[in-house]
Amino acid sequence: MIRAVTFDLWNTLYADQPELEAERDRWRIDVLGAATGEGPAAVRAAIEATRVEWYRVWRSERRTPPPPSMVAYFARVIGIELDEDARAETLRGFQEATLVIPPRPIPGALEVVREVAASVPIALISDTGFTPGRILRRVLAADGVLDLFVTAVFSDETGVAKPDPRAFHTALESLGTEAAATVHIGDLVETDVAGAKGVGMRAVLYRARGSAPAGGPAPDAVVESLADLPGLIAAWSTPPPLKADTGQPD
């Protein structure tokens, strides 16, 4: 019986388009250039170097770098010392671009969230990049789905990233369900599937562009459309038929 569902956010509910990220970087360059007094080329290069460092930490250490360290790294790359006001404005430039230029939901994704939330409690488990959980909550609220989630677990707030078991246990505790009765859906084997299976949850791999990659733990199911998720939940929640002759489950 499935009693709860947890969702990944990026590339599961929202897929960021390159043109939107390019718009955000242009906005960041304006804000960070005004904060530092540096030219666009230097600011752009420092933003990209900071992005590379963020991904290095995320992939190698499975955590989200704290925002002050991100700002400090940017300042070191660009070669200046920021005063308190400049640090605050630099942080705003990194974090609030997604609020100014929000991502678009994957077509049909939020409708599936609403459908699933009507039958079982749901939660969100998301790693974060430059955009922190407090901003992503505002994006979700603007799209009318934030209140559907019992909790939203973001890596910048917990200090750990998937597949760390603590990210999943935090969601399970808020949902009040056992791992075996909870399904997680996400797009990455190494974070979503590995993390969910590691704590005893079922895992659904969302692969909008085809089959699952080889290697890593096997998901319980692979879907190419989120519209398949409610049917999976219903199937896993249906008791097996009884044998006519013994009265025992088949």
C-alpha atoms as a PDB file:
ATOM      1  CA  MET A   1       0.000   0.000   0.000  1.00  0.00           C
ATOM      2  CA  ILE A   2       1.399   3.397  -0.971  1.00  0.00           C
ATOM      3  CA  ARG A   3       0.671   5.990   1.687  1.00  0.00           C
ATOM      4  CA  ALA A   4       2.796   8.957   0.512  1.00  0.00           C
ATOM      5  CA  VAL A   5       4.805  10.262  -2.445  1.00  0.00           C
ATOM      6  CA  THR A   6       7.887  12.483  -2.596  1.00  0.00           C
ATOM      7  CA  PHE A   7       8.901  14.464  -5.668  1.00  0.00           C
ATOM      8  CA  ASP A   8      12.187  15.802  -6.960  1.00  0.00           C
ATOM      9  CA  LEU A   9      11.905  19.345  -8.338  1.00  0.00           C
ATOM     10  CA  TRP A  10      14.487  20.108 -11.056  1.00  0.00           C
ATOM     11  CA  ASN A  11      13.950  18.178 -14.297  1.00  0.00           C
ATOM     12  CA  THR A  12      11.027  16.368 -12.694  1.00  0.00           C
ATOM     13  CA  LEU A  13       8.509  19.138 -12.026  1.00  0.00           C
ATOM     14  CA  TYR A  14      10.428  22.034 -13.574  1.00  0.00           C
ATOM     15  CA  ALA A  15      12.863  21.833 -16.495  1.00  0.00           C
ATOM     16  CA  ASP A  16      15.015  24.887 -16.936  1.00  0.00           C
ATOM     17  CA  GLN A  17      15.436  26.109 -20.485  1.00  0.00           C
ATOM     18  CA  PRO A  18      18.877  27.405 -21.555  1.00  0.00           C
ATOM     19  CA  GLU A  19      17.368  30.685 -22.711  1.00  0.00           C
ATOM     20  CA  LEU A  20      15.933  31.326 -19.241  1.00  0.00           C
ATOM     21  CA  GLU A  21      19.274  30.648 -17.551  1.00  0.00           C
ATOM     22  CA  ALA A  22      20.939  32.978 -20.056  1.00  0.00           C
ATOM     23  CA  GLU A  23      18.415  35.689 -19.116  1.00  0.00           C
ATOM     24  CA  ARG A  24      19.164  35.104 -15.434  1.00  0.00           C
ATOM     25  CA  ASP A  25      22.878  35.427 -16.008  1.00  0.00           C
ATOM     26  CA  ARG A  26      22.346  38.723 -17.803  1.00  0.00           C
ATOM     27  CA  TRP A  27      20.332  39.933 -14.812  1.00  0.00           C
ATOM     28  CA  ARG A  28      23.029  38.653 -12.445  1.00  0.00           C
ATOM     29  CA  ILE A  29      25.718  40.444 -14.404  1.00  0.00           C
ATOM     30  CA  ASP A  30      23.830  43.735 -14.058  1.00  0.00           C
ATOM     31  CA  VAL A  31      23.267  43.297 -10.309  1.00  0.00           C
ATOM     32  CA  LEU A  32      26.727  41.941  -9.490  1.00  0.00           C
ATOM     33  CA  GLY A  33      28.401  44.492 -11.731  1.00  0.00           C
ATOM     34  CA  ALA A  34      26.677  47.306  -9.853  1.00  0.00           C
ATOM     35  CA  ALA A  35      27.622  45.721  -6.515  1.00  0.00           C
ATOM     36  CA  THR A  36      31.297  45.250  -7.404  1.00  0.00           C
ATOM     37  CA  GLY A  37      32.009  47.997  -9.907  1.00  0.00           C
ATOM     38  CA  GLU A  38      33.466  45.404 -12.274  1.00  0.00           C
ATOM     39  CA  GLY A  39      32.769  45.113 -15.996  1.00  0.00           C
ATOM     40  CA  PRO A  40      30.434  42.560 -17.620  1.00  0.00           C
ATOM     41  CA  ALA A  41      33.192  40.264 -18.919  1.00  0.00           C
ATOM     42  CA  ALA A  42      34.862  39.924 -15.521  1.00  0.00           C
ATOM     43  CA  VAL A  43      31.548  39.405 -13.742  1.00  0.00           C
ATOM     44  CA  ARG A  44      30.374  36.800 -16.262  1.00  0.00           C
ATOM     45  CA  ALA A  45      33.631  34.853 -15.910  1.00  0.00           C
ATOM     46  CA  ALA A  46      33.414  34.950 -12.105  1.00  0.00           C
ATOM     47  CA  ILE A  47      29.780  33.772 -12.155  1.00  0.00           C
ATOM     48  CA  GLU A  48      30.684  30.820 -14.374  1.00  0.00           C
ATOM     49  CA  ALA A  49      33.687  29.909 -12.199  1.00  0.00           C
ATOM     50  CA  THR A  50      31.436  30.016  -9.128  1.00  0.00           C
ATOM     51  CA  ARG A  51      28.907  27.784 -10.890  1.00  0.00           C
ATOM     52  CA  VAL A  52      31.624  25.242 -11.714  1.00  0.00           C
ATOM     53  CA  GLU A  53      32.784  25.251  -8.089  1.00  0.00           C
ATOM     54  CA  TRP A  54      29.236  24.827  -6.817  1.00  0.00           C
ATOM     55  CA  TYR A  55      28.759  21.728  -9.005  1.00  0.00           C
ATOM     56  CA  ARG A  56      32.123  20.351  -7.953  1.00  0.00           C
ATOM     57  CA  VAL A  57      31.147  20.539  -4.277  1.00  0.00           C
ATOM     58  CA  TRP A  58      27.665  19.173  -4.965  1.00  0.00           C
ATOM     59  CA  ARG A  59      28.932  16.183  -6.909  1.00  0.00           C
ATOM     60  CA  SER A  60      31.998  15.314  -4.836  1.00  0.00           C
ATOM     61  CA  GLU A  61      30.735  16.126  -1.329  1.00  0.00           C
ATOM     62  CA  ARG A  62      26.966  15.725  -1.804  1.00  0.00           C
ATOM     63  CA  ARG A  63      26.084  18.990  -0.142  1.00  0.00           C
ATOM     64  CA  THR A  64      25.046  22.476  -1.174  1.00  0.00           C
ATOM     65  CA  PRO A  65      27.737  25.082  -0.451  1.00  0.00           C
ATOM     66  CA  PRO A  66      26.416  27.663   2.042  1.00  0.00           C
ATOM     67  CA  PRO A  67      25.574  31.008   0.407  1.00  0.00           C
ATOM     68  CA  PRO A  68      28.313  33.025   2.190  1.00  0.00           C
ATOM     69  CA  SER A  69      30.959  30.643   0.834  1.00  0.00           C
ATOM     70  CA  MET A  70      29.534  31.047  -2.671  1.00  0.00           C
ATOM     71  CA  VAL A  71      29.809  34.839  -2.403  1.00  0.00           C
ATOM     72  CA  ALA A  72      33.324  34.577  -0.962  1.00  0.00           C
ATOM     73  CA  TYR A  73      34.414  32.328  -3.831  1.00  0.00           C
ATOM     74  CA  PHE A  74      32.994  34.785  -6.380  1.00  0.00           C
ATOM     75  CA  ALA A  75      34.885  37.649  -4.710  1.00  0.00           C
ATOM     76  CA  ARG A  76      38.151  35.704  -4.769  1.00  0.00           C
ATOM     77  CA  VAL A  77      37.747  34.893  -8.457  1.00  0.00           C
ATOM     78  CA  ILE A  78      36.982  38.470  -9.393  1.00  0.00           C
ATOM     79  CA  GLY A  79      39.802  39.658  -7.131  1.00  0.00           C
ATOM     80  CA  ILE A  80      38.100  42.165  -4.885  1.00  0.00           C
ATOM     81  CA  GLU A  81      37.103  42.482  -1.231  1.00  0.00           C
ATOM     82  CA  LEU A  82      33.396  43.067  -0.711  1.00  0.00           C
ATOM     83  CA  ASP A  83      32.023  45.239   2.062  1.00  0.00           C
ATOM     84  CA  GLU A  84      28.856  44.232   3.892  1.00  0.00           C
ATOM     85  CA  ASP A  85      26.504  45.995   1.466  1.00  0.00           C
ATOM     86  CA  ALA A  86      28.265  44.581  -1.586  1.00  0.00           C
ATOM     87  CA  ARG A  87      28.145  41.063  -0.116  1.00  0.00           C
ATOM     88  CA  ALA A  88      24.403  41.364   0.496  1.00  0.00           C
ATOM     89  CA  GLU A  89      23.781  42.647  -3.024  1.00  0.00           C
ATOM     90  CA  THR A  90      25.986  39.951  -4.546  1.00  0.00           C
ATOM     91  CA  LEU A  91      24.056  37.300  -2.653  1.00  0.00           C
ATOM     92  CA  ARG A  92      20.800  38.798  -3.901  1.00  0.00           C
ATOM     93  CA  GLY A  93      22.120  38.706  -7.448  1.00  0.00           C
ATOM     94  CA  PHE A  94      22.915  35.009  -7.206  1.00  0.00           C
ATOM     95  CA  GLN A  95      19.802  33.907  -5.365  1.00  0.00           C
ATOM     96  CA  GLU A  96      16.927  36.015  -6.665  1.00  0.00           C
ATOM     97  CA  ALA A  97      17.433  35.670 -10.410  1.00  0.00           C
ATOM     98  CA  THR A  98      15.060  32.694 -10.450  1.00  0.00           C
ATOM     99  CA  LEU A  99      12.403  34.826  -8.797  1.00  0.00           C
ATOM    100  CA  VAL A 100      12.787  37.528 -11.443  1.00  0.00           C
ATOM    101  CA  ILE A 101      12.919  34.989 -14.298  1.00  0.00           C
ATOM    102  CA  PRO A 102      11.106  31.870 -13.004  1.00  0.00           C
ATOM    103  CA  PRO A 103      11.393  28.394 -14.521  1.00  0.00           C
ATOM    104  CA  ARG A 104       8.524  26.842 -16.419  1.00  0.00           C
ATOM    105  CA  PRO A 105       6.792  23.699 -15.126  1.00  0.00           C
ATOM    106  CA  ILE A 106       7.172  20.596 -17.249  1.00  0.00           C
ATOM    107  CA  PRO A 107       3.896  20.311 -19.205  1.00  0.00           C
ATOM    108  CA  GLY A 108       1.374  18.397 -17.139  1.00  0.00           C
ATOM    109  CA  ALA A 109       3.644  18.068 -14.098  1.00  0.00           C
ATOM    110  CA  LEU A 110       1.712  20.298 -11.725  1.00  0.00           C
ATOM    111  CA  GLU A 111      -1.547  18.658 -12.745  1.00  0.00           C
ATOM    112  CA  VAL A 112      -0.052  15.305 -11.706  1.00  0.00           C
ATOM    113  CA  VAL A 113       1.072  16.837  -8.396  1.00  0.00           C
ATOM    114  CA  ARG A 114      -2.496  17.984  -7.753  1.00  0.00           C
ATOM    115  CA  GLU A 115      -3.908  14.584  -8.693  1.00  0.00           C
ATOM    116  CA  VAL A 116      -1.514  12.673  -6.442  1.00  0.00           C
ATOM    117  CA  ALA A 117      -1.981  15.128  -3.551  1.00  0.00           C
ATOM    118  CA  ALA A 118      -5.711  14.475  -3.700  1.00  0.00           C
ATOM    119  CA  SER A 119      -5.126  10.823  -2.792  1.00  0.00           C
ATOM    120  CA  VAL A 120      -2.017  10.701  -0.549  1.00  0.00           C
ATOM    121  CA  PRO A 121       0.224  13.160   1.324  1.00  0.00           C
ATOM    122  CA  ILE A 122       3.128  14.472  -0.753  1.00  0.00           C
ATOM    123  CA  ALA A 123       6.495  16.104  -0.051  1.00  0.00           C
ATOM    124  CA  LEU A 124       9.306  17.658  -2.055  1.00  0.00           C
ATOM    125  CA  ILE A 125      12.986  16.648  -1.800  1.00  0.00           C
ATOM    126  CA  SER A 126      15.194  18.943  -3.860  1.00  0.00           C
ATOM    127  CA  ASP A 127      18.852  19.795  -4.140  1.00  0.00           C
ATOM    128  CA  THR A 128      19.449  23.489  -4.765  1.00  0.00           C
ATOM    129  CA  GLY A 129      21.955  25.465  -6.793  1.00  0.00           C
ATOM    130  CA  PHE A 130      22.260  29.243  -6.782  1.00  0.00           C
ATOM    131  CA  THR A 131      18.527  29.403  -6.014  1.00  0.00           C
ATOM    132  CA  PRO A 132      17.727  28.574  -2.358  1.00  0.00           C
ATOM    133  CA  GLY A 133      14.660  26.889  -0.968  1.00  0.00           C
ATOM    134  CA  ARG A 134      13.119  30.164   0.203  1.00  0.00           C
ATOM    135  CA  ILE A 135      12.994  31.395  -3.406  1.00  0.00           C
ATOM    136  CA  LEU A 136      11.768  28.072  -4.805  1.00  0.00           C
ATOM    137  CA  ARG A 137       8.918  28.113  -2.295  1.00  0.00           C
ATOM    138  CA  ARG A 138       7.833  31.447  -3.748  1.00  0.00           C
ATOM    139  CA  VAL A 139       7.949  29.981  -7.274  1.00  0.00           C
ATOM    140  CA  LEU A 140       5.820  27.031  -6.155  1.00  0.00           C
ATOM    141  CA  ALA A 141       3.409  29.362  -4.360  1.00  0.00           C
ATOM    142  CA  ALA A 142       3.041  31.524  -7.466  1.00  0.00           C
ATOM    143  CA  ASP A 143       2.136  28.381  -9.414  1.00  0.00           C
ATOM    144  CA  GLY A 144      -0.447  27.433  -6.788  1.00  0.00           C
ATOM    145  CA  VAL A 145       1.079  24.153  -5.572  1.00  0.00           C
ATOM    146  CA  LEU A 146       3.207  24.983  -2.508  1.00  0.00           C
ATOM    147  CA  ASP A 147       0.400  24.294  -0.044  1.00  0.00           C
ATOM    148  CA  LEU A 148      -0.118  20.826  -1.522  1.00  0.00           C
ATOM    149  CA  PHE A 149       3.198  19.641  -0.060  1.00  0.00           C
ATOM    150  CA  VAL A 150       3.296  18.567   3.572  1.00  0.00           C
ATOM    151  CA  THR A 151       6.933  19.670   3.576  1.00  0.00           C
ATOM    152  CA  ALA A 152       9.615  20.825   1.154  1.00  0.00           C
ATOM    153  CA  VAL A 153      13.123  19.576   1.946  1.00  0.00           C
ATOM    154  CA  PHE A 154      15.834  21.706   0.311  1.00  0.00           C
ATOM    155  CA  SER A 155      19.533  20.908   0.502  1.00  0.00           C
ATOM    156  CA  ASP A 156      20.611  24.470   1.298  1.00  0.00           C
ATOM    157  CA  GLU A 157      18.448  24.300   4.440  1.00  0.00           C
ATOM    158  CA  THR A 158      19.321  20.782   5.616  1.00  0.00           C
ATOM    159  CA  GLY A 159      23.026  20.977   4.759  1.00  0.00           C
ATOM    160  CA  VAL A 160      22.902  17.615   2.960  1.00  0.00           C
ATOM    161  CA  ALA A 161      22.113  16.678  -0.633  1.00  0.00           C
ATOM    162  CA  LYS A 162      20.646  13.539  -2.141  1.00  0.00           C
ATOM    163  CA  PRO A 163      21.368  10.635  -1.887  1.00  0.00           C
ATOM    164  CA  ASP A 164      22.171  11.375   1.776  1.00  0.00           C
ATOM    165  CA  PRO A 165      19.607   9.395   3.816  1.00  0.00           C
ATOM    166  CA  ARG A 166      18.948  12.414   6.021  1.00  0.00           C
ATOM    167  CA  ALA A 167      17.265  14.248   3.136  1.00  0.00           C
ATOM    168  CA  PHE A 168      14.763  11.411   2.728  1.00  0.00           C
ATOM    169  CA  HIS A 169      14.293  10.744   6.455  1.00  0.00           C
ATOM    170  CA  THR A 170      13.456  14.428   6.983  1.00  0.00           C
ATOM    171  CA  ALA A 171      10.618  14.132   4.471  1.00  0.00           C
ATOM    172  CA  LEU A 172       9.417  10.799   5.867  1.00  0.00           C
ATOM    173  CA  GLU A 173       9.254  12.206   9.397  1.00  0.00           C
ATOM    174  CA  SER A 174       7.103  15.118   8.224  1.00  0.00           C
ATOM    175  CA  LEU A 175       4.857  12.811   6.223  1.00  0.00           C
ATOM    176  CA  GLY A 176       4.529  10.379   9.130  1.00  0.00           C
ATOM    177  CA  THR A 177       4.866   7.376   6.837  1.00  0.00           C
ATOM    178  CA  GLU A 178       7.167   4.380   6.704  1.00  0.00           C
ATOM    179  CA  ALA A 179       9.747   4.233   3.928  1.00  0.00           C
ATOM    180  CA  ALA A 180       8.311   1.004   2.492  1.00  0.00           C
ATOM    181  CA  ALA A 181       4.943   2.710   1.991  1.00  0.00           C
ATOM    182  CA  THR A 182       6.402   5.790   0.276  1.00  0.00           C
ATOM    183  CA  VAL A 183       7.400   6.379  -3.361  1.00  0.00           C
ATOM    184  CA  HIS A 184       9.979   8.900  -4.580  1.00  0.00           C
ATOM    185  CA  ILE A 185      10.088  10.103  -8.180  1.00  0.00           C
ATOM    186  CA  GLY A 186      13.044  11.913  -9.730  1.00  0.00           C
ATOM    187  CA  ASP A 187      15.229  12.075 -12.808  1.00  0.00           C
ATOM    188  CA  LEU A 188      18.675  11.003 -11.509  1.00  0.00           C
ATOM    189  CA  VAL A 189      19.759   7.466 -10.644  1.00  0.00           C
ATOM    190  CA  GLU A 190      22.705   8.568  -8.503  1.00  0.00           C
ATOM    191  CA  THR A 191      20.666  10.913  -6.305  1.00  0.00           C
ATOM    192  CA  ASP A 192      16.943  10.157  -6.546  1.00  0.00           C
ATOM    193  CA  VAL A 193      16.920   6.397  -7.087  1.00  0.00           C
ATOM    194  CA  ALA A 194      19.982   5.660  -4.945  1.00  0.00           C
ATOM    195  CA  GLY A 195      18.738   7.859  -2.109  1.00  0.00           C
ATOM    196  CA  ALA A 196      15.214   6.480  -2.070  1.00  0.00           C
ATOM    197  CA  LYS A 197      16.271   2.838  -2.335  1.00  0.00           C
ATOM    198  CA  GLY A 198      18.924   3.418   0.300  1.00  0.00           C
ATOM    199  CA  VAL A 199      16.293   4.180   2.943  1.00  0.00           C
ATOM    200  CA  GLY A 200      13.823   1.507   1.819  1.00  0.00           C
ATOM    201  CA  MET A 201      11.493   3.617  -0.321  1.00  0.00           C
ATOM    202  CA  ARG A 202      10.241   2.676  -3.759  1.00  0.00           C
ATOM    203  CA  ALA A 203      11.843   4.700  -6.547  1.00  0.00           C
ATOM    204  CA  VAL A 204      10.409   5.811  -9.875  1.00  0.00           C
ATOM    205  CA  LEU A 205      12.868   7.163 -12.432  1.00  0.00           C
ATOM    206  CA  TYR A 206      11.462   9.888 -14.658  1.00  0.00           C
ATOM    207  CA  ARG A 207      13.148   9.751 -18.056  1.00  0.00           C
ATOM    208  CA  ALA A 208      11.431  12.149 -20.415  1.00  0.00           C
ATOM    209  CA  ARG A 209      13.991  11.404 -23.137  1.00  0.00           C
ATOM    210  CA  GLY A 210      13.998   7.613 -23.119  1.00  0.00           C
ATOM    211  CA  SER A 211      15.381   4.622 -21.264  1.00  0.00           C
ATOM    212  CA  ALA A 212      17.231   4.667 -17.962  1.00  0.00           C
ATOM    213  CA  PRO A 213      21.037   4.799 -18.019  1.00  0.00           C
ATOM    214  CA  ALA A 214      23.005   1.672 -17.191  1.00  0.00           C
ATOM    215  CA  GLY A 215      24.613   1.375 -13.782  1.00  0.00           C
ATOM    216  CA  GLY A 216      23.484   2.309 -10.304  1.00  0.00           C
ATOM    217  CA  PRO A 217      20.573   0.876  -8.336  1.00  0.00           C
ATOM    218  CA  ALA A 218      17.590  -0.234 -10.363  1.00  0.00           C
ATOM    219  CA  PRO A 219      14.404   1.816  -9.940  1.00  0.00           C
ATOM    220  CA  ASP A 220      11.121   0.065  -9.237  1.00  0.00           C
ATOM    221  CA  ALA A 221       9.708   1.670 -12.373  1.00  0.00           C
ATOM    222  CA  VAL A 222      10.760   3.973 -15.206  1.00  0.00           C
ATOM    223  CA  VAL A 223       8.288   6.440 -16.695  1.00  0.00           C
ATOM    224  CA  GLU A 224       8.614   8.738 -19.673  1.00  0.00           C
ATOM    225  CA  SER A 225       5.574  10.767 -18.645  1.00  0.00           C
ATOM    226  CA  LEU A 226       4.602  11.929 -15.177  1.00  0.00           C
ATOM    227  CA  ALA A 227       1.026  11.121 -16.165  1.00  0.00           C
ATOM    228  CA  ASP A 228       1.961   7.453 -15.590  1.00  0.00           C
ATOM    229  CA  LEU A 229       2.645   8.042 -11.879  1.00  0.00           C
ATOM    230  CA  PRO A 230      -0.954   7.925 -10.541  1.00  0.00           C
ATOM    231  CA  GLY A 231      -1.493   4.579 -12.286  1.00  0.00           C
ATOM    232  CA  LEU A 232       1.648   3.144 -10.709  1.00  0.00           C
ATOM    233  CA  ILE A 233       0.551   4.292  -7.267  1.00  0.00           C
ATOM    234  CA  ALA A 234      -2.864   2.721  -7.780  1.00  0.00           C
ATOM    235  CA  ALA A 235      -1.320  -0.563  -8.962  1.00  0.00           C
ATOM    236  CA  TRP A 236       1.077  -0.738  -6.017  1.00  0.00           C
ATOM    237  CA  SER A 237      -1.797   0.001  -3.644  1.00  0.00           C
ATOM    238  CA  THR A 238      -4.061  -2.755  -4.970  1.00  0.00           C
ATOM    239  CA  PRO A 239      -3.953  -5.997  -2.910  1.00  0.00           C
ATOM    240  CA  PRO A 240      -3.002  -9.123  -4.868  1.00  0.00           C
ATOM    241  CA  PRO A 241      -5.943 -11.334  -5.845  1.00  0.00           C
ATOM    242  CA  LEU A 242      -6.814 -14.246  -3.567  1.00  0.00           C
ATOM    243  CA  LYS A 243      -6.466 -17.823  -4.761  1.00  0.00           C
ATOM    244  CA  ALA A 244      -9.910 -19.296  -5.132  1.00  0.00           C
ATOM    245  CA  ASP A 245      -8.973 -22.641  -3.590  1.00  0.00           C
ATOM    246  CA  THR A 246      -6.960 -21.549  -0.534  1.00  0.00           C
ATOM    247  CA  GLY A 247      -8.103 -18.023   0.237  1.00  0.00           C
ATOM    248  CA  GLN A 248      -4.419 -17.037   0.320  1.00  0.00           C
ATOM    249  CA  PRO A 249      -2.857 -14.201  -1.698  1.00  0.00           C
ATOM    250  CA  ASP A 250      -1.708 -15.324  -5.117  1.00  0.00           C
END
